[in-house]
Protein backbone atom coordinates (compact mmCIF):
# COMPACT_ATOMS: atom_id res chain seq x y z
CA UNK A 1 27.31 -11.89 -5.77
CA UNK A 2 27.81 -14.68 -8.29
CA UNK A 3 30.28 -14.04 -11.10
CA UNK A 4 29.47 -14.93 -14.67
CA UNK A 5 31.11 -18.01 -16.10
CA UNK A 6 34.16 -17.25 -18.19
CA UNK A 7 33.84 -17.69 -21.90
CA UNK A 8 36.21 -17.35 -24.83
CA UNK A 9 36.33 -17.72 -28.58
CA UNK A 10 37.48 -21.32 -28.03
CA UNK A 11 34.53 -22.14 -25.78
CA UNK A 12 32.15 -20.62 -28.31
CA UNK A 13 33.82 -22.63 -31.10
CA UNK A 14 33.46 -25.88 -29.12
CA UNK A 15 29.80 -25.09 -28.40
CA UNK A 16 29.10 -24.32 -32.06
CA UNK A 17 30.82 -27.46 -33.32
CA UNK A 18 29.10 -29.67 -30.77
CA UNK A 19 25.71 -28.27 -31.79
CA UNK A 20 26.62 -29.01 -35.40
CA UNK A 21 27.81 -32.61 -34.93
CA UNK A 22 26.06 -33.74 -31.72
CA UNK A 23 28.83 -36.07 -30.48
CA UNK A 24 32.61 -35.62 -30.44
CA UNK A 25 35.79 -36.55 -28.62
CA UNK A 26 38.43 -34.05 -27.53
CA UNK A 27 40.59 -35.36 -30.40
CA UNK A 28 37.76 -34.67 -32.88
CA UNK A 29 37.26 -31.17 -31.49
CA UNK A 30 40.96 -30.36 -31.59
CA UNK A 31 41.32 -31.52 -35.21
CA UNK A 32 38.38 -29.42 -36.41
CA UNK A 33 39.08 -26.31 -34.35
CA UNK A 34 42.79 -26.20 -35.21
CA UNK A 35 41.73 -25.44 -38.78
CA UNK A 36 40.65 -22.01 -37.51
CA UNK A 37 42.81 -21.77 -34.38
CA UNK A 38 46.19 -23.46 -35.08
CA UNK A 39 47.50 -22.36 -31.68
CA UNK A 40 44.78 -24.29 -29.82
CA UNK A 41 46.19 -26.96 -27.49
CA UNK A 42 44.81 -30.33 -26.47
CA UNK A 43 44.92 -29.16 -22.85
CA UNK A 44 42.69 -26.18 -23.66
CA UNK A 45 40.14 -28.41 -25.40
CA UNK A 46 40.15 -30.79 -22.42
CA UNK A 47 39.61 -27.89 -20.01
CA UNK A 48 36.75 -26.55 -22.14
CA UNK A 49 34.89 -29.87 -22.33
CA UNK A 50 35.42 -30.37 -18.60
CA UNK A 51 33.99 -26.90 -17.95
CA UNK A 52 31.01 -27.49 -20.27
CA UNK A 53 30.31 -30.81 -18.52
CA UNK A 54 30.34 -29.06 -15.14
CA UNK A 55 27.97 -26.39 -16.50
CA UNK A 56 25.65 -29.15 -17.78
CA UNK A 57 26.04 -27.92 -21.35
CA UNK A 58 27.41 -31.32 -22.39
CA UNK A 59 27.02 -34.83 -21.07
CA UNK A 60 29.05 -37.97 -21.53
CA UNK A 61 28.17 -40.14 -24.52
CA UNK A 62 28.96 -43.82 -25.05
CA UNK A 63 32.63 -44.31 -25.87
CA UNK A 64 33.60 -45.32 -29.37
CA UNK A 65 35.63 -48.23 -30.69
CA UNK A 66 38.83 -46.88 -29.14
CA UNK A 67 37.11 -46.46 -25.73
CA UNK A 68 37.81 -42.71 -25.75
CA UNK A 69 35.62 -40.25 -23.84
CA UNK A 70 32.96 -38.80 -26.10
CA UNK A 71 30.63 -35.90 -25.42
CA UNK A 72 26.98 -35.40 -26.25
CA UNK A 73 25.30 -32.03 -26.72
CA UNK A 74 21.78 -33.51 -26.39
CA UNK A 75 20.92 -33.24 -22.70
CA UNK A 76 17.49 -34.84 -23.00
CA UNK A 77 17.17 -38.51 -22.01
CA UNK A 78 17.83 -40.59 -25.13
CA UNK A 79 19.36 -43.78 -26.45
CA UNK A 80 22.05 -44.29 -29.09
CA UNK A 81 22.95 -46.37 -32.11
CA UNK A 82 26.69 -47.00 -32.52
CA UNK A 83 28.29 -48.46 -35.64
CA UNK A 84 30.61 -51.27 -34.59
CA UNK A 85 32.77 -50.70 -37.67
CA UNK A 86 33.38 -46.96 -37.87
CA UNK A 87 32.24 -45.89 -34.39
CA UNK A 88 29.60 -43.44 -35.66
CA UNK A 89 27.19 -42.50 -32.88
CA UNK A 90 23.61 -41.42 -33.53
CA UNK A 91 20.84 -40.38 -31.16
CA UNK A 92 17.92 -42.79 -31.00
CA UNK A 93 14.69 -42.89 -29.05
CA UNK A 94 13.72 -46.47 -28.28
CA UNK A 95 10.10 -47.07 -27.42
CA UNK A 96 9.24 -48.15 -23.88
CA UNK A 97 8.07 -51.47 -25.32
CA UNK A 98 11.68 -52.17 -26.37
CA UNK A 99 12.86 -51.53 -22.82
CA UNK A 100 10.22 -53.91 -21.50
CA UNK A 101 11.38 -56.63 -23.91
CA UNK A 102 15.01 -56.14 -22.84
CA UNK A 103 14.06 -56.24 -19.16
CA UNK A 104 12.08 -59.44 -19.76
CA UNK A 105 15.08 -60.96 -21.57
CA UNK A 106 17.37 -60.04 -18.65
CA UNK A 107 14.94 -61.52 -16.16
CA UNK A 108 15.30 -61.59 -12.37
CA UNK A 109 12.90 -58.62 -12.14
CA UNK A 110 15.71 -56.27 -13.24
CA UNK A 111 14.77 -52.85 -14.60
CA UNK A 112 16.66 -50.59 -16.98
CA UNK A 113 17.64 -47.14 -15.82
CA UNK A 114 19.38 -44.71 -18.11
CA UNK A 115 20.01 -44.91 -21.81
CA UNK A 116 20.56 -47.92 -24.04
CA UNK A 117 23.20 -48.18 -26.76
CA UNK A 118 22.37 -50.46 -29.66
CA UNK A 119 25.25 -51.48 -31.90
CA UNK A 120 25.25 -52.58 -35.50
CA UNK A 121 26.52 -51.45 -38.89
CA UNK A 122 25.66 -48.00 -40.27
CA UNK A 123 24.41 -47.29 -43.77
CA UNK A 124 27.78 -45.85 -44.90
CA UNK A 125 29.77 -48.90 -43.76
CA UNK A 126 27.24 -51.24 -45.43
CA UNK A 127 27.55 -49.23 -48.63
CA UNK A 128 31.35 -49.30 -48.52
CA UNK A 129 31.40 -52.97 -47.60
CA UNK A 130 33.64 -52.24 -44.63
């Protein structure tokens, strides 16, 4: 008999926040969740994200500017846009024609597998002149 996966108010809070924001680091999650759960530890958040990864409820996202692990709640195959100034990460769906152009530019009959991350400057950073 298989036992049900353990859950807690912290796991539910991580799930809810991830569905709200889409992408987050453990540091992001801890900062937000401590507003409601001041006793929450960094170790607990790490264990929760590790558990949600193993349950395929989260996947790894491209790391940000600080090269810190970041999680993605969108489990469907997709690409990303990442702001090179603030590190904002946004889901994107690049057309197959874009992939073909990139493969052609790479040459040597190489083919792309997996997602692509395109970097640039987001609207907010442009507006702020960062």
